C-alpha cells in the first residue's frame, strides 16, 4: 500500500522551512512573516552548554496527548458515521 500521503506534511514542512538563497528567506517566513519554530528547538539546546527549559517540553507533551485523544475521537466518530450510513442503506 502506498503511504506517501502520510509523509506529505513532513516533506512540505521541510521544504517550507528551508532557507532559499534566491529569495533570502524561507517560504514560511514569506507567508507568515516570522521564523518557523521547529520541533527540535523545544527538545535540543542549540548550544552545548545551554540549559533546556522543561516547560516547552511539558507543553509539547500535553499537546501530543491532546492530539492523540483527538485522533481517537476522530476514529470513533468515523466508525459511528460509517455504521449510521450502513444502517441507513439497509433501511432504504
N, C-alpha and C. Protein backbone atom coordinates (compact mmCIF):
# COMPACT_ATOMS: atom_id res chain seq x y z
N UNK A 1 0.84 -1.18 0.00
CA UNK A 1 0.00 0.00 0.00
C UNK A 1 0.89 1.24 0.00
N UNK A 2 0.47 2.25 -0.71
CA UNK A 2 1.23 3.48 -0.86
C UNK A 2 0.85 4.45 0.26
N UNK A 3 1.84 4.88 1.05
CA UNK A 3 1.55 5.78 2.18
C UNK A 3 2.22 7.14 2.02
N UNK A 4 2.40 7.57 0.77
CA UNK A 4 3.04 8.87 0.52
C UNK A 4 2.26 10.02 1.14
N UNK A 5 0.94 9.91 1.15
CA UNK A 5 0.12 11.00 1.69
C UNK A 5 0.35 11.20 3.18
N UNK A 6 0.77 10.15 3.89
CA UNK A 6 1.05 10.28 5.31
C UNK A 6 2.33 11.07 5.57
N UNK A 7 3.24 11.07 4.61
CA UNK A 7 4.51 11.74 4.77
C UNK A 7 4.55 13.11 4.08
N UNK A 8 3.49 13.44 3.35
CA UNK A 8 3.47 14.69 2.60
C UNK A 8 3.61 15.91 3.50
N UNK A 9 2.95 15.92 4.65
CA UNK A 9 3.03 17.05 5.56
C UNK A 9 4.48 17.31 5.99
N UNK A 10 5.19 16.25 6.34
CA UNK A 10 6.58 16.37 6.79
C UNK A 10 7.45 16.90 5.66
N UNK A 11 7.23 16.40 4.47
CA UNK A 11 8.02 16.83 3.31
C UNK A 11 7.75 18.30 3.02
N UNK A 12 6.48 18.69 3.01
CA UNK A 12 6.14 20.10 2.75
C UNK A 12 6.66 21.02 3.84
N UNK A 13 6.57 20.61 5.10
CA UNK A 13 7.09 21.43 6.18
C UNK A 13 8.60 21.62 6.03
N UNK A 14 9.30 20.55 5.67
CA UNK A 14 10.75 20.64 5.46
C UNK A 14 11.08 21.62 4.34
N UNK A 15 10.34 21.52 3.25
CA UNK A 15 10.59 22.43 2.13
C UNK A 15 10.28 23.87 2.52
N UNK A 16 9.16 24.08 3.18
CA UNK A 16 8.72 25.43 3.52
C UNK A 16 9.57 26.10 4.58
N UNK A 17 10.33 25.33 5.34
CA UNK A 17 11.16 25.91 6.39
C UNK A 17 12.65 25.89 6.03
N UNK A 18 12.96 25.55 4.79
CA UNK A 18 14.34 25.55 4.33
C UNK A 18 14.67 26.91 3.70
N UNK A 19 15.79 27.49 4.12
CA UNK A 19 16.21 28.80 3.62
C UNK A 19 16.48 28.73 2.12
N UNK A 20 15.94 29.68 1.38
CA UNK A 20 16.14 29.78 -0.08
C UNK A 20 17.05 30.97 -0.36
N UNK A 21 18.20 30.71 -0.94
CA UNK A 21 19.19 31.76 -1.20
C UNK A 21 18.64 32.82 -2.14
N UNK A 22 17.92 32.41 -3.15
CA UNK A 22 17.42 33.34 -4.16
C UNK A 22 16.49 34.39 -3.57
N UNK A 23 15.61 33.98 -2.65
CA UNK A 23 14.66 34.94 -2.08
C UNK A 23 15.12 35.48 -0.73
N UNK A 24 16.16 34.87 -0.15
CA UNK A 24 16.71 35.36 1.11
C UNK A 24 15.88 35.03 2.34
N UNK A 25 14.92 34.17 2.21
CA UNK A 25 14.03 33.78 3.31
C UNK A 25 13.57 32.35 3.08
N UNK A 26 12.83 31.85 4.05
CA UNK A 26 12.13 30.57 3.85
C UNK A 26 10.74 30.90 3.32
N UNK A 27 10.10 30.00 2.59
CA UNK A 27 8.71 30.24 2.20
C UNK A 27 7.80 30.50 3.40
N UNK A 28 8.07 29.83 4.52
CA UNK A 28 7.31 30.04 5.74
C UNK A 28 7.39 31.50 6.18
N UNK A 29 8.60 32.07 6.14
CA UNK A 29 8.78 33.47 6.54
C UNK A 29 8.00 34.41 5.62
N UNK A 30 7.97 34.11 4.35
CA UNK A 30 7.25 34.97 3.41
C UNK A 30 5.74 34.93 3.65
N UNK A 31 5.22 33.78 4.00
CA UNK A 31 3.78 33.65 4.23
C UNK A 31 3.36 34.22 5.58
N UNK A 32 4.11 33.86 6.65
CA UNK A 32 3.68 34.22 8.00
C UNK A 32 4.43 35.41 8.60
N UNK A 33 5.51 35.83 7.97
CA UNK A 33 6.24 37.00 8.46
C UNK A 33 7.09 36.76 9.68
N UNK A 34 7.34 35.51 10.03
CA UNK A 34 8.21 35.20 11.16
C UNK A 34 8.92 33.88 10.91
N UNK A 35 9.93 33.65 11.75
CA UNK A 35 10.71 32.42 11.61
C UNK A 35 9.91 31.23 12.14
N UNK A 36 10.00 30.09 11.48
CA UNK A 36 9.28 28.92 11.98
C UNK A 36 9.90 28.42 13.28
N UNK A 37 9.09 27.90 14.15
CA UNK A 37 9.55 27.30 15.39
C UNK A 37 9.57 25.79 15.17
N UNK A 38 10.76 25.25 15.01
CA UNK A 38 10.91 23.85 14.70
C UNK A 38 10.77 22.99 15.95
N UNK A 39 10.23 21.79 15.82
CA UNK A 39 10.06 20.91 17.00
C UNK A 39 11.36 20.64 17.74
N UNK A 40 12.46 20.54 17.04
CA UNK A 40 13.74 20.26 17.71
C UNK A 40 14.20 21.42 18.58
N UNK A 41 13.71 22.62 18.33
CA UNK A 41 14.09 23.76 19.16
C UNK A 41 13.56 23.60 20.58
N UNK A 42 12.48 22.85 20.74
CA UNK A 42 11.95 22.59 22.08
C UNK A 42 12.73 21.50 22.80
N UNK A 43 13.27 20.58 22.05
CA UNK A 43 13.84 19.38 22.65
C UNK A 43 15.35 19.43 22.83
N UNK A 44 16.05 20.10 21.94
CA UNK A 44 17.50 20.11 21.97
C UNK A 44 18.04 21.52 22.14
N UNK A 45 19.03 21.70 22.98
CA UNK A 45 19.64 23.03 23.09
C UNK A 45 20.42 23.34 21.82
N UNK A 46 20.45 24.62 21.44
CA UNK A 46 21.18 24.98 20.23
C UNK A 46 22.67 25.13 20.49
N UNK A 47 23.06 25.29 21.76
CA UNK A 47 24.47 25.38 22.13
C UNK A 47 24.76 24.27 23.14
N UNK A 48 25.99 23.74 23.15
CA UNK A 48 26.29 22.61 24.03
C UNK A 48 26.01 22.87 25.51
N UNK A 49 26.25 24.08 26.03
CA UNK A 49 26.08 24.36 27.45
C UNK A 49 24.75 25.01 27.79
N UNK A 50 23.89 25.14 26.80
CA UNK A 50 22.60 25.80 27.01
C UNK A 50 21.65 24.87 27.74
N UNK A 51 20.97 25.42 28.75
CA UNK A 51 20.01 24.64 29.53
C UNK A 51 18.69 24.53 28.77
N UNK A 52 18.09 23.35 28.78
CA UNK A 52 16.79 23.15 28.14
C UNK A 52 15.71 23.46 29.16
N UNK A 53 14.86 24.39 28.83
CA UNK A 53 13.75 24.75 29.70
C UNK A 53 12.72 23.62 29.65
N UNK A 54 12.37 23.02 30.79
CA UNK A 54 11.43 21.89 30.78
C UNK A 54 10.00 22.28 30.43
N UNK A 55 9.67 23.56 30.58
CA UNK A 55 8.30 23.97 30.31
C UNK A 55 7.88 23.72 28.85
N UNK A 56 8.69 24.09 27.83
CA UNK A 56 8.27 23.78 26.46
C UNK A 56 8.09 22.27 26.22
N UNK A 57 8.92 21.46 26.87
CA UNK A 57 8.79 20.02 26.70
C UNK A 57 7.45 19.56 27.30
N UNK A 58 7.10 20.13 28.45
CA UNK A 58 5.82 19.79 29.08
C UNK A 58 4.66 20.24 28.18
N UNK A 59 4.80 21.42 27.58
CA UNK A 59 3.77 21.93 26.68
C UNK A 59 3.61 20.99 25.48
N UNK A 60 4.74 20.57 24.91
CA UNK A 60 4.68 19.66 23.78
C UNK A 60 4.09 18.31 24.17
N UNK A 61 4.44 17.82 25.33
CA UNK A 61 3.90 16.54 25.80
C UNK A 61 2.39 16.63 25.98
N UNK A 62 1.93 17.71 26.59
CA UNK A 62 0.49 17.91 26.76
C UNK A 62 -0.21 18.03 25.42
N UNK A 63 0.41 18.76 24.51
CA UNK A 63 -0.19 18.93 23.18
C UNK A 63 -0.27 17.59 22.46
N UNK A 64 0.78 16.79 22.58
CA UNK A 64 0.79 15.48 21.94
C UNK A 64 -0.32 14.60 22.50
N UNK A 65 -0.52 14.61 23.81
CA UNK A 65 -1.58 13.79 24.39
C UNK A 65 -2.96 14.27 23.92
N UNK A 66 -3.13 15.59 23.77
CA UNK A 66 -4.39 16.11 23.26
C UNK A 66 -4.62 15.69 21.81
N UNK A 67 -3.55 15.72 21.03
CA UNK A 67 -3.66 15.30 19.62
C UNK A 67 -3.98 13.81 19.52
N UNK A 68 -3.38 13.01 20.39
CA UNK A 68 -3.67 11.58 20.38
C UNK A 68 -5.13 11.32 20.75
N UNK A 69 -5.63 12.05 21.74
CA UNK A 69 -7.04 11.92 22.13
C UNK A 69 -7.95 12.37 21.00
N UNK A 70 -7.57 13.44 20.32
CA UNK A 70 -8.33 13.92 19.17
C UNK A 70 -8.37 12.86 18.07
N UNK A 71 -7.24 12.21 17.84
CA UNK A 71 -7.19 11.15 16.83
C UNK A 71 -8.10 9.99 17.22
N UNK A 72 -8.11 9.62 18.50
CA UNK A 72 -9.00 8.55 18.98
C UNK A 72 -10.46 8.94 18.74
N UNK A 73 -10.81 10.19 19.08
CA UNK A 73 -12.18 10.66 18.88
C UNK A 73 -12.54 10.67 17.40
N UNK A 74 -11.59 11.01 16.56
CA UNK A 74 -11.82 11.03 15.12
C UNK A 74 -12.14 9.63 14.62
N UNK A 75 -11.38 8.64 15.09
CA UNK A 75 -11.61 7.26 14.67
C UNK A 75 -12.96 6.75 15.16
N UNK A 76 -13.31 7.09 16.40
CA UNK A 76 -14.61 6.68 16.94
C UNK A 76 -15.74 7.30 16.13
N UNK A 77 -15.61 8.60 15.84
CA UNK A 77 -16.63 9.30 15.06
C UNK A 77 -16.74 8.71 13.66
N UNK A 78 -15.60 8.40 13.06
CA UNK A 78 -15.61 7.79 11.72
C UNK A 78 -16.37 6.47 11.75
N UNK A 79 -16.11 5.65 12.76
CA UNK A 79 -16.80 4.37 12.88
C UNK A 79 -18.31 4.56 13.07
N UNK A 80 -18.70 5.55 13.89
CA UNK A 80 -20.12 5.81 14.11
C UNK A 80 -20.81 6.28 12.84
N UNK A 81 -20.14 7.16 12.10
CA UNK A 81 -20.72 7.66 10.85
C UNK A 81 -20.87 6.52 9.85
N UNK A 82 -19.84 5.68 9.74
CA UNK A 82 -19.90 4.54 8.82
C UNK A 82 -21.03 3.59 9.21
N UNK A 83 -21.17 3.36 10.51
CA UNK A 83 -22.23 2.49 11.00
C UNK A 83 -23.61 3.07 10.68
N UNK A 84 -23.77 4.36 10.92
CA UNK A 84 -25.05 5.02 10.61
C UNK A 84 -25.36 4.97 9.12
N UNK A 85 -24.37 5.16 8.30
CA UNK A 85 -24.59 5.09 6.86
C UNK A 85 -24.98 3.69 6.44
N UNK A 86 -24.34 2.70 7.04
CA UNK A 86 -24.65 1.31 6.73
C UNK A 86 -26.09 1.00 7.14
N UNK A 87 -26.48 1.44 8.33
CA UNK A 87 -27.84 1.20 8.80
C UNK A 87 -28.88 1.88 7.90
N UNK A 88 -28.57 3.09 7.45
CA UNK A 88 -29.49 3.80 6.56
C UNK A 88 -29.62 3.10 5.23
N UNK A 89 -28.50 2.55 4.74
CA UNK A 89 -28.56 1.86 3.43
C UNK A 89 -29.40 0.59 3.53
N UNK A 90 -29.43 -0.04 4.70
CA UNK A 90 -30.24 -1.24 4.89
C UNK A 90 -31.72 -0.91 4.96
N UNK A 91 -32.04 0.28 5.47
CA UNK A 91 -33.44 0.69 5.60
C UNK A 91 -34.05 1.11 4.27
N UNK A 92 -33.24 1.52 3.34
CA UNK A 92 -33.79 2.03 2.05
C UNK A 92 -33.74 1.00 1.00
